[in-house]
Amino acid sequence: MESQAQYRTTLSQWGNSKAVRLPASILKKLNLLDNQTLLVSVEDNSIRLSPEHKQPSTIHELFAEWDQDDVREGELDWGQAKGQELEW
């Protein structure tokens, strides 16, 4: 299990809300980016911040990082039929 370092920070006023500064080392370790949405929850009397993993809502978002060009040197082998698939 990875050791958990503890850092001291201060709860500060930010407009009508409160804010906490997070050390750059934590942000780097967790690959968090500026303006990234975090989910806030309370667990066992502690505050937990978790990065939000946004689900794609369009086909374009789903395949935004797709880098295959659909060119294959041969057919893909999908294995033996497992159900009542039609033979081609």
PDB file of N, CA and C in Angstrom:
ATOM      1  N   MET A   1       0.842  -1.187   0.000  1.00  0.00           N
ATOM      2  CA  MET A   1       0.000   0.000   0.000  1.00  0.00           C
ATOM      3  C   MET A   1       0.884   1.246   0.000  1.00  0.00           C
ATOM      4  N   GLU A   2       0.509   2.223  -0.769  1.00  0.00           N
ATOM      5  CA  GLU A   2       1.281   3.450  -0.900  1.00  0.00           C
ATOM      6  C   GLU A   2       1.159   4.276   0.380  1.00  0.00           C
ATOM      7  N   SER A   3       2.283   4.836   0.843  1.00  0.00           N
ATOM      8  CA  SER A   3       2.234   5.667   2.045  1.00  0.00           C
ATOM      9  C   SER A   3       1.490   6.963   1.738  1.00  0.00           C
ATOM     10  N   GLN A   4       0.805   7.463   2.741  1.00  0.00           N
ATOM     11  CA  GLN A   4       0.018   8.669   2.558  1.00  0.00           C
ATOM     12  C   GLN A   4       0.668   9.817   3.311  1.00  0.00           C
ATOM     13  N   ALA A   5       1.134  10.803   2.569  1.00  0.00           N
ATOM     14  CA  ALA A   5       1.733  11.987   3.176  1.00  0.00           C
ATOM     15  C   ALA A   5       0.618  12.916   3.638  1.00  0.00           C
ATOM     16  N   GLN A   6       0.864  13.648   4.687  1.00  0.00           N
ATOM     17  CA  GLN A   6      -0.098  14.630   5.164  1.00  0.00           C
ATOM     18  C   GLN A   6       0.479  16.021   4.978  1.00  0.00           C
ATOM     19  N   TYR A   7      -0.368  16.942   4.569  1.00  0.00           N
ATOM     20  CA  TYR A   7       0.026  18.324   4.355  1.00  0.00           C
ATOM     21  C   TYR A   7      -0.876  19.213   5.199  1.00  0.00           C
ATOM     22  N   ARG A   8      -0.359  20.327   5.625  1.00  0.00           N
ATOM     23  CA  ARG A   8      -1.143  21.293   6.389  1.00  0.00           C
ATOM     24  C   ARG A   8      -1.547  22.415   5.435  1.00  0.00           C
ATOM     25  N   THR A   9      -2.828  22.782   5.480  1.00  0.00           N
ATOM     26  CA  THR A   9      -3.330  23.881   4.670  1.00  0.00           C
ATOM     27  C   THR A   9      -4.349  24.636   5.512  1.00  0.00           C
ATOM     28  N   THR A  10      -4.811  25.769   5.021  1.00  0.00           N
ATOM     29  CA  THR A  10      -5.713  26.622   5.784  1.00  0.00           C
ATOM     30  C   THR A  10      -7.002  26.855   5.015  1.00  0.00           C
ATOM     31  N   LEU A  11      -8.111  26.825   5.715  1.00  0.00           N
ATOM     32  CA  LEU A  11      -9.405  27.164   5.144  1.00  0.00           C
ATOM     33  C   LEU A  11      -9.496  28.686   5.105  1.00  0.00           C
ATOM     34  N   SER A  12      -9.699  29.254   3.918  1.00  0.00           N
ATOM     35  CA  SER A  12      -9.683  30.711   3.740  1.00  0.00           C
ATOM     36  C   SER A  12     -10.979  31.191   3.107  1.00  0.00           C
ATOM     37  N   GLN A  13     -11.293  32.457   3.300  1.00  0.00           N
ATOM     38  CA  GLN A  13     -12.464  33.075   2.686  1.00  0.00           C
ATOM     39  C   GLN A  13     -12.174  33.341   1.216  1.00  0.00           C
ATOM     40  N   TRP A  14     -13.126  33.008   0.343  1.00  0.00           N
ATOM     41  CA  TRP A  14     -13.009  33.305  -1.085  1.00  0.00           C
ATOM     42  C   TRP A  14     -14.391  33.726  -1.557  1.00  0.00           C
ATOM     43  N   GLY A  15     -14.649  35.015  -1.599  1.00  0.00           N
ATOM     44  CA  GLY A  15     -15.983  35.509  -1.909  1.00  0.00           C
ATOM     45  C   GLY A  15     -16.942  35.087  -0.803  1.00  0.00           C
ATOM     46  N   ASN A  16     -18.067  34.484  -1.183  1.00  0.00           N
ATOM     47  CA  ASN A  16     -19.037  33.989  -0.206  1.00  0.00           C
ATOM     48  C   ASN A  16     -18.766  32.547   0.190  1.00  0.00           C
ATOM     49  N   SER A  17     -17.679  31.986  -0.284  1.00  0.00           N
ATOM     50  CA  SER A  17     -17.355  30.585  -0.022  1.00  0.00           C
ATOM     51  C   SER A  17     -16.054  30.482   0.754  1.00  0.00           C
ATOM     52  N   LYS A  18     -15.666  29.268   1.014  1.00  0.00           N
ATOM     53  CA  LYS A  18     -14.377  28.984   1.640  1.00  0.00           C
ATOM     54  C   LYS A  18     -13.531  28.225   0.630  1.00  0.00           C
ATOM     55  N   ALA A  19     -12.214  28.348   0.760  1.00  0.00           N
ATOM     56  CA  ALA A  19     -11.305  27.690  -0.183  1.00  0.00           C
ATOM     57  C   ALA A  19     -10.142  27.068   0.572  1.00  0.00           C
ATOM     58  N   VAL A  20      -9.588  26.026  -0.008  1.00  0.00           N
ATOM     59  CA  VAL A  20      -8.407  25.354   0.520  1.00  0.00           C
ATOM     60  C   VAL A  20      -7.395  25.279  -0.612  1.00  0.00           C
ATOM     61  N   ARG A  21      -6.157  25.628  -0.340  1.00  0.00           N
ATOM     62  CA  ARG A  21      -5.094  25.501  -1.349  1.00  0.00           C
ATOM     63  C   ARG A  21      -4.488  24.114  -1.238  1.00  0.00           C
ATOM     64  N   LEU A  22      -4.281  23.490  -2.378  1.00  0.00           N
ATOM     65  CA  LEU A  22      -3.667  22.164  -2.417  1.00  0.00           C
ATOM     66  C   LEU A  22      -2.244  22.289  -2.932  1.00  0.00           C
ATOM     67  N   PRO A  23      -1.303  21.610  -2.310  1.00  0.00           N
ATOM     68  CA  PRO A  23       0.088  21.676  -2.762  1.00  0.00           C
ATOM     69  C   PRO A  23       0.245  21.161  -4.196  1.00  0.00           C
ATOM     70  N   ALA A  24       1.132  21.794  -4.940  1.00  0.00           N
ATOM     71  CA  ALA A  24       1.389  21.403  -6.332  1.00  0.00           C
ATOM     72  C   ALA A  24       1.811  19.945  -6.435  1.00  0.00           C
ATOM     73  N   SER A  25       2.524  19.443  -5.432  1.00  0.00           N
ATOM     74  CA  SER A  25       2.979  18.046  -5.477  1.00  0.00           C
ATOM     75  C   SER A  25       1.802  17.071  -5.478  1.00  0.00           C
ATOM     76  N   ILE A  26       0.735  17.410  -4.769  1.00  0.00           N
ATOM     77  CA  ILE A  26      -0.457  16.553  -4.765  1.00  0.00           C
ATOM     78  C   ILE A  26      -1.137  16.613  -6.126  1.00  0.00           C
ATOM     79  N   LEU A  27      -1.277  17.818  -6.666  1.00  0.00           N
ATOM     80  CA  LEU A  27      -1.922  17.973  -7.973  1.00  0.00           C
ATOM     81  C   LEU A  27      -1.169  17.207  -9.048  1.00  0.00           C
ATOM     82  N   LYS A  28       0.153  17.280  -8.997  1.00  0.00           N
ATOM     83  CA  LYS A  28       0.974  16.571  -9.981  1.00  0.00           C
ATOM     84  C   LYS A  28       0.832  15.061  -9.812  1.00  0.00           C
ATOM     85  N   LYS A  29       0.876  14.597  -8.580  1.00  0.00           N
ATOM     86  CA  LYS A  29       0.784  13.163  -8.306  1.00  0.00           C
ATOM     87  C   LYS A  29      -0.536  12.573  -8.805  1.00  0.00           C
ATOM     88  N   LEU A  30      -1.612  13.358  -8.699  1.00  0.00           N
ATOM     89  CA  LEU A  30      -2.936  12.889  -9.108  1.00  0.00           C
ATOM     90  C   LEU A  30      -3.312  13.318 -10.523  1.00  0.00           C
ATOM     91  N   ASN A  31      -2.387  13.977 -11.222  1.00  0.00           N
ATOM     92  CA  ASN A  31      -2.639  14.456 -12.592  1.00  0.00           C
ATOM     93  C   ASN A  31      -3.874  15.350 -12.670  1.00  0.00           C
ATOM     94  N   LEU A  32      -4.037  16.231 -11.689  1.00  0.00           N
ATOM     95  CA  LEU A  32      -5.159  17.163 -11.689  1.00  0.00           C
ATOM     96  C   LEU A  32      -4.767  18.419 -12.450  1.00  0.00           C
ATOM     97  N   LEU A  33      -5.715  18.974 -13.189  1.00  0.00           N
ATOM     98  CA  LEU A  33      -5.471  20.138 -14.036  1.00  0.00           C
ATOM     99  C   LEU A  33      -6.201  21.359 -13.495  1.00  0.00           C
ATOM    100  N   ASP A  34      -5.762  22.543 -13.888  1.00  0.00           N
ATOM    101  CA  ASP A  34      -6.478  23.766 -13.535  1.00  0.00           C
ATOM    102  C   ASP A  34      -7.906  23.680 -14.058  1.00  0.00           C
ATOM    103  N   ASN A  35      -8.843  24.161 -13.283  1.00  0.00           N
ATOM    104  CA  ASN A  35     -10.267  24.211 -13.637  1.00  0.00           C
ATOM    105  C   ASN A  35     -10.908  22.838 -13.796  1.00  0.00           C
ATOM    106  N   GLN A  36     -10.247  21.787 -13.348  1.00  0.00           N
ATOM    107  CA  GLN A  36     -10.838  20.455 -13.408  1.00  0.00           C
ATOM    108  C   GLN A  36     -11.924  20.347 -12.341  1.00  0.00           C
ATOM    109  N   THR A  37     -13.044  19.733 -12.682  1.00  0.00           N
ATOM    110  CA  THR A  37     -14.140  19.564 -11.738  1.00  0.00           C
ATOM    111  C   THR A  37     -13.818  18.454 -10.755  1.00  0.00           C
ATOM    112  N   LEU A  38     -14.027  18.754  -9.473  1.00  0.00           N
ATOM    113  CA  LEU A  38     -13.828  17.769  -8.415  1.00  0.00           C
ATOM    114  C   LEU A  38     -15.155  17.524  -7.718  1.00  0.00           C
ATOM    115  N   LEU A  39     -15.395  16.294  -7.329  1.00  0.00           N
ATOM    116  CA  LEU A  39     -16.570  15.950  -6.543  1.00  0.00           C
ATOM    117  C   LEU A  39     -16.183  16.035  -5.071  1.00  0.00           C
ATOM    118  N   VAL A  40     -17.031  16.657  -4.264  1.00  0.00           N
ATOM    119  CA  VAL A  40     -16.768  16.825  -2.838  1.00  0.00           C
ATOM    120  C   VAL A  40     -17.757  15.967  -2.068  1.00  0.00           C
ATOM    121  N   SER A  41     -17.241  15.152  -1.148  1.00  0.00           N
ATOM    122  CA  SER A  41     -18.113  14.330  -0.311  1.00  0.00           C
ATOM    123  C   SER A  41     -17.576  14.330   1.113  1.00  0.00           C
ATOM    124  N   VAL A  42     -18.439  13.974   2.050  1.00  0.00           N
ATOM    125  CA  VAL A  42     -18.048  13.851   3.452  1.00  0.00           C
ATOM    126  C   VAL A  42     -18.126  12.381   3.811  1.00  0.00           C
ATOM    127  N   GLU A  43     -17.009  11.827   4.266  1.00  0.00           N
ATOM    128  CA  GLU A  43     -16.935  10.416   4.644  1.00  0.00           C
ATOM    129  C   GLU A  43     -16.225  10.299   5.979  1.00  0.00           C
ATOM    130  N   ASP A  44     -16.868   9.664   6.934  1.00  0.00           N
ATOM    131  CA  ASP A  44     -16.273   9.460   8.261  1.00  0.00           C
ATOM    132  C   ASP A  44     -15.742  10.768   8.849  1.00  0.00           C
ATOM    133  N   ASN A  45     -16.552  11.811   8.758  1.00  0.00           N
ATOM    134  CA  ASN A  45     -16.210  13.119   9.317  1.00  0.00           C
ATOM    135  C   ASN A  45     -14.967  13.737   8.658  1.00  0.00           C
ATOM    136  N   SER A  46     -14.700  13.361   7.409  1.00  0.00           N
ATOM    137  CA  SER A  46     -13.588  13.917   6.636  1.00  0.00           C
ATOM    138  C   SER A  46     -14.099  14.400   5.284  1.00  0.00           C
ATOM    139  N   ILE A  47     -13.429  15.388   4.726  1.00  0.00           N
ATOM    140  CA  ILE A  47     -13.767  15.887   3.391  1.00  0.00           C
ATOM    141  C   ILE A  47     -12.960  15.095   2.375  1.00  0.00           C
ATOM    142  N   ARG A  48     -13.638  14.611   1.349  1.00  0.00           N
ATOM    143  CA  ARG A  48     -12.962  13.857   0.286  1.00  0.00           C
ATOM    144  C   ARG A  48     -13.181  14.575  -1.040  1.00  0.00           C
ATOM    145  N   LEU A  49     -12.098  14.802  -1.769  1.00  0.00           N
ATOM    146  CA  LEU A  49     -12.154  15.382  -3.112  1.00  0.00           C
ATOM    147  C   LEU A  49     -11.775  14.308  -4.110  1.00  0.00           C
ATOM    148  N   SER A  50     -12.590  14.142  -5.140  1.00  0.00           N
ATOM    149  CA  SER A  50     -12.325  13.139  -6.173  1.00  0.00           C
ATOM    150  C   SER A  50     -12.492  13.777  -7.540  1.00  0.00           C
ATOM    151  N   PRO A  51     -11.589  13.490  -8.477  1.00  0.00           N
ATOM    152  CA  PRO A  51     -11.763  14.033  -9.826  1.00  0.00           C
ATOM    153  C   PRO A  51     -13.023  13.463 -10.463  1.00  0.00           C
ATOM    154  N   GLU A  52     -13.761  14.331 -11.133  1.00  0.00           N
ATOM    155  CA  GLU A  52     -14.956  13.880 -11.838  1.00  0.00           C
ATOM    156  C   GLU A  52     -14.530  13.291 -13.173  1.00  0.00           C
ATOM    157  N   HIS A  53     -14.985  12.101 -13.447  1.00  0.00           N
ATOM    158  CA  HIS A  53     -14.698  11.457 -14.725  1.00  0.00           C
ATOM    159  C   HIS A  53     -15.952  11.596 -15.581  1.00  0.00           C
ATOM    160  N   LYS A  54     -15.946  12.603 -16.432  1.00  0.00           N
ATOM    161  CA  LYS A  54     -17.106  12.912 -17.262  1.00  0.00           C
ATOM    162  C   LYS A  54     -17.311  11.828 -18.311  1.00  0.00           C
ATOM    163  N   GLN A  55     -18.526  11.356 -18.396  1.00  0.00           N
ATOM    164  CA  GLN A  55     -18.882  10.379 -19.411  1.00  0.00           C
ATOM    165  C   GLN A  55     -19.173  11.110 -20.720  1.00  0.00           C
ATOM    166  N   PRO A  56     -18.700  10.581 -21.845  1.00  0.00           N
ATOM    167  CA  PRO A  56     -18.988  11.235 -23.127  1.00  0.00           C
ATOM    168  C   PRO A  56     -20.490  11.267 -23.386  1.00  0.00           C
ATOM    169  N   SER A  57     -20.968  12.391 -23.922  1.00  0.00           N
ATOM    170  CA  SER A  57     -22.399  12.525 -24.189  1.00  0.00           C
ATOM    171  C   SER A  57     -22.716  12.503 -25.682  1.00  0.00           C
ATOM    172  N   THR A  58     -21.688  12.526 -26.524  1.00  0.00           N
ATOM    173  CA  THR A  58     -21.909  12.436 -27.968  1.00  0.00           C
ATOM    174  C   THR A  58     -20.927  11.426 -28.552  1.00  0.00           C
ATOM    175  N   ILE A  59     -21.214  10.966 -29.731  1.00  0.00           N
ATOM    176  CA  ILE A  59     -20.328  10.024 -30.413  1.00  0.00           C
ATOM    177  C   ILE A  59     -18.974  10.681 -30.686  1.00  0.00           C
ATOM    178  N   HIS A  60     -18.982  11.997 -30.920  1.00  0.00           N
ATOM    179  CA  HIS A  60     -17.736  12.720 -31.189  1.00  0.00           C
ATOM    180  C   HIS A  60     -16.853  12.765 -29.944  1.00  0.00           C
ATOM    181  N   GLU A  61     -17.471  12.983 -28.770  1.00  0.00           N
ATOM    182  CA  GLU A  61     -16.704  12.960 -27.523  1.00  0.00           C
ATOM    183  C   GLU A  61     -16.178  11.555 -27.242  1.00  0.00           C
ATOM    184  N   LEU A  62     -16.990  10.552 -27.522  1.00  0.00           N
ATOM    185  CA  LEU A  62     -16.607   9.171 -27.260  1.00  0.00           C
ATOM    186  C   LEU A  62     -15.348   8.787 -28.038  1.00  0.00           C
ATOM    187  N   PHE A  63     -15.261   9.218 -29.289  1.00  0.00           N
ATOM    188  CA  PHE A  63     -14.139   8.835 -30.138  1.00  0.00           C
ATOM    189  C   PHE A  63     -13.148   9.980 -30.373  1.00  0.00           C
ATOM    190  N   ALA A  64     -13.153  10.997 -29.522  1.00  0.00           N
ATOM    191  CA  ALA A  64     -12.285  12.167 -29.707  1.00  0.00           C
ATOM    192  C   ALA A  64     -10.808  11.791 -29.735  1.00  0.00           C
ATOM    193  N   GLU A  65     -10.403  10.796 -28.974  1.00  0.00           N
ATOM    194  CA  GLU A  65      -8.989  10.415 -28.923  1.00  0.00           C
ATOM    195  C   GLU A  65      -8.685   9.170 -29.752  1.00  0.00           C
ATOM    196  N   TRP A  66      -9.614   8.735 -30.554  1.00  0.00           N
ATOM    197  CA  TRP A  66      -9.431   7.542 -31.386  1.00  0.00           C
ATOM    198  C   TRP A  66      -8.385   7.829 -32.440  1.00  0.00           C
ATOM    199  N   ASP A  67      -7.371   6.993 -32.520  1.00  0.00           N
ATOM    200  CA  ASP A  67      -6.302   7.248 -33.481  1.00  0.00           C
ATOM    201  C   ASP A  67      -6.156   6.136 -34.519  1.00  0.00           C
ATOM    202  N   GLN A  68      -7.098   5.229 -34.582  1.00  0.00           N
ATOM    203  CA  GLN A  68      -7.049   4.164 -35.580  1.00  0.00           C
ATOM    204  C   GLN A  68      -7.639   4.688 -36.887  1.00  0.00           C
ATOM    205  N   ASP A  69      -7.080   4.266 -37.982  1.00  0.00           N
ATOM    206  CA  ASP A  69      -7.573   4.737 -39.274  1.00  0.00           C
ATOM    207  C   ASP A  69      -8.428   3.692 -39.984  1.00  0.00           C
ATOM    208  N   ASP A  70      -8.789   2.636 -39.269  1.00  0.00           N
ATOM    209  CA  ASP A  70      -9.632   1.558 -39.800  1.00  0.00           C
ATOM    210  C   ASP A  70      -8.983   0.781 -40.930  1.00  0.00           C
ATOM    211  N   VAL A  71      -7.696   0.942 -41.153  1.00  0.00           N
ATOM    212  CA  VAL A  71      -6.997   0.167 -42.166  1.00  0.00           C
ATOM    213  C   VAL A  71      -6.419  -1.067 -41.488  1.00  0.00           C
ATOM    214  N   ARG A  72      -6.820  -2.232 -41.949  1.00  0.00           N
ATOM    215  CA  ARG A  72      -6.348  -3.490 -41.384  1.00  0.00           C
ATOM    216  C   ARG A  72      -5.691  -4.301 -42.499  1.00  0.00           C
ATOM    217  N   GLU A  73      -4.699  -5.056 -42.127  1.00  0.00           N
ATOM    218  CA  GLU A  73      -4.023  -5.894 -43.112  1.00  0.00           C
ATOM    219  C   GLU A  73      -4.786  -7.177 -43.373  1.00  0.00           C
ATOM    220  N   GLY A  74      -5.728  -7.490 -42.530  1.00  0.00           N
ATOM    221  CA  GLY A  74      -6.536  -8.691 -42.695  1.00  0.00           C
ATOM    222  C   GLY A  74      -7.742  -8.613 -41.783  1.00  0.00           C
ATOM    223  N   GLU A  75      -8.544  -9.672 -41.811  1.00  0.00           N
ATOM    224  CA  GLU A  75      -9.720  -9.698 -40.949  1.00  0.00           C
ATOM    225  C   GLU A  75      -9.320  -9.920 -39.505  1.00  0.00           C
ATOM    226  N   LEU A  76     -10.130  -9.409 -38.607  1.00  0.00           N
ATOM    227  CA  LEU A  76      -9.920  -9.661 -37.187  1.00  0.00           C
ATOM    228  C   LEU A  76     -10.503 -11.020 -36.830  1.00  0.00           C
ATOM    229  N   ASP A  77      -9.830 -11.752 -35.976  1.00  0.00           N
ATOM    230  CA  ASP A  77     -10.333 -13.036 -35.509  1.00  0.00           C
ATOM    231  C   ASP A  77     -11.095 -12.805 -34.214  1.00  0.00           C
ATOM    232  N   TRP A  78     -12.403 -12.960 -34.272  1.00  0.00           N
ATOM    233  CA  TRP A  78     -13.246 -12.741 -33.105  1.00  0.00           C
ATOM    234  C   TRP A  78     -13.467 -14.035 -32.324  1.00  0.00           C
ATOM    235  N   GLY A  79     -12.852 -15.122 -32.742  1.00  0.00           N
ATOM    236  CA  GLY A  79     -13.011 -16.387 -32.038  1.00  0.00           C
ATOM    237  C   GLY A  79     -14.229 -17.154 -32.520  1.00  0.00           C
ATOM    238  N   GLN A  80     -14.494 -18.264 -31.848  1.00  0.00           N
ATOM    239  CA  GLN A  80     -15.623 -19.113 -32.208  1.00  0.00           C
ATOM    240  C   GLN A  80     -16.944 -18.452 -31.817  1.00  0.00           C
ATOM    241  N   ALA A  81     -18.005 -18.798 -32.557  1.00  0.00           N
ATOM    242  CA  ALA A  81     -19.338 -18.298 -32.238  1.00  0.00           C
ATOM    243  C   ALA A  81     -19.760 -18.815 -30.869  1.00  0.00           C
ATOM    244  N   LYS A  82     -20.412 -17.979 -30.103  1.00  0.00           N
ATOM    245  CA  LYS A  82     -20.836 -18.361 -28.758  1.00  0.00           C
ATOM    246  C   LYS A  82     -22.351 -18.437 -28.646  1.00  0.00           C
ATOM    247  N   GLY A  83     -23.043 -17.939 -29.614  1.00  0.00           N
ATOM    248  CA  GLY A  83     -24.501 -17.922 -29.560  1.00  0.00           C
ATOM    249  C   GLY A  83     -25.069 -18.424 -30.863  1.00  0.00           C
ATOM    250  N   GLN A  84     -26.044 -17.718 -31.375  1.00  0.00           N
ATOM    251  CA  GLN A  84     -26.684 -18.118 -32.624  1.00  0.00           C
ATOM    252  C   GLN A  84     -26.339 -17.121 -33.727  1.00  0.00           C
ATOM    253  N   GLU A  85     -25.045 -16.765 -33.795  1.00  0.00           N
ATOM    254  CA  GLU A  85     -24.602 -15.840 -34.819  1.00  0.00           C
ATOM    255  C   GLU A  85     -24.774 -16.463 -36.200  1.00  0.00           C
ATOM    256  N   LEU A  86     -25.014 -15.626 -37.192  1.00  0.00           N
ATOM    257  CA  LEU A  86     -25.152 -16.099 -38.562  1.00  0.00           C
ATOM    258  C   LEU A  86     -23.776 -16.334 -39.160  1.00  0.00           C
ATOM    259  N   GLU A  87     -23.644 -17.360 -39.967  1.00  0.00           N
ATOM    260  CA  GLU A  87     -22.395 -17.626 -40.681  1.00  0.00           C
ATOM    261  C   GLU A  87     -22.356 -16.748 -41.925  1.00  0.00           C
ATOM    262  N   TRP A  88     -21.212 -16.192 -42.242  1.00  0.00           N
ATOM    263  CA  TRP A  88     -21.064 -15.348 -43.429  1.00  0.00           C
ATOM    264  C   TRP A  88     -20.414 -16.129 -44.522  1.00  0.00           C
TER     265      TRP A  88
END
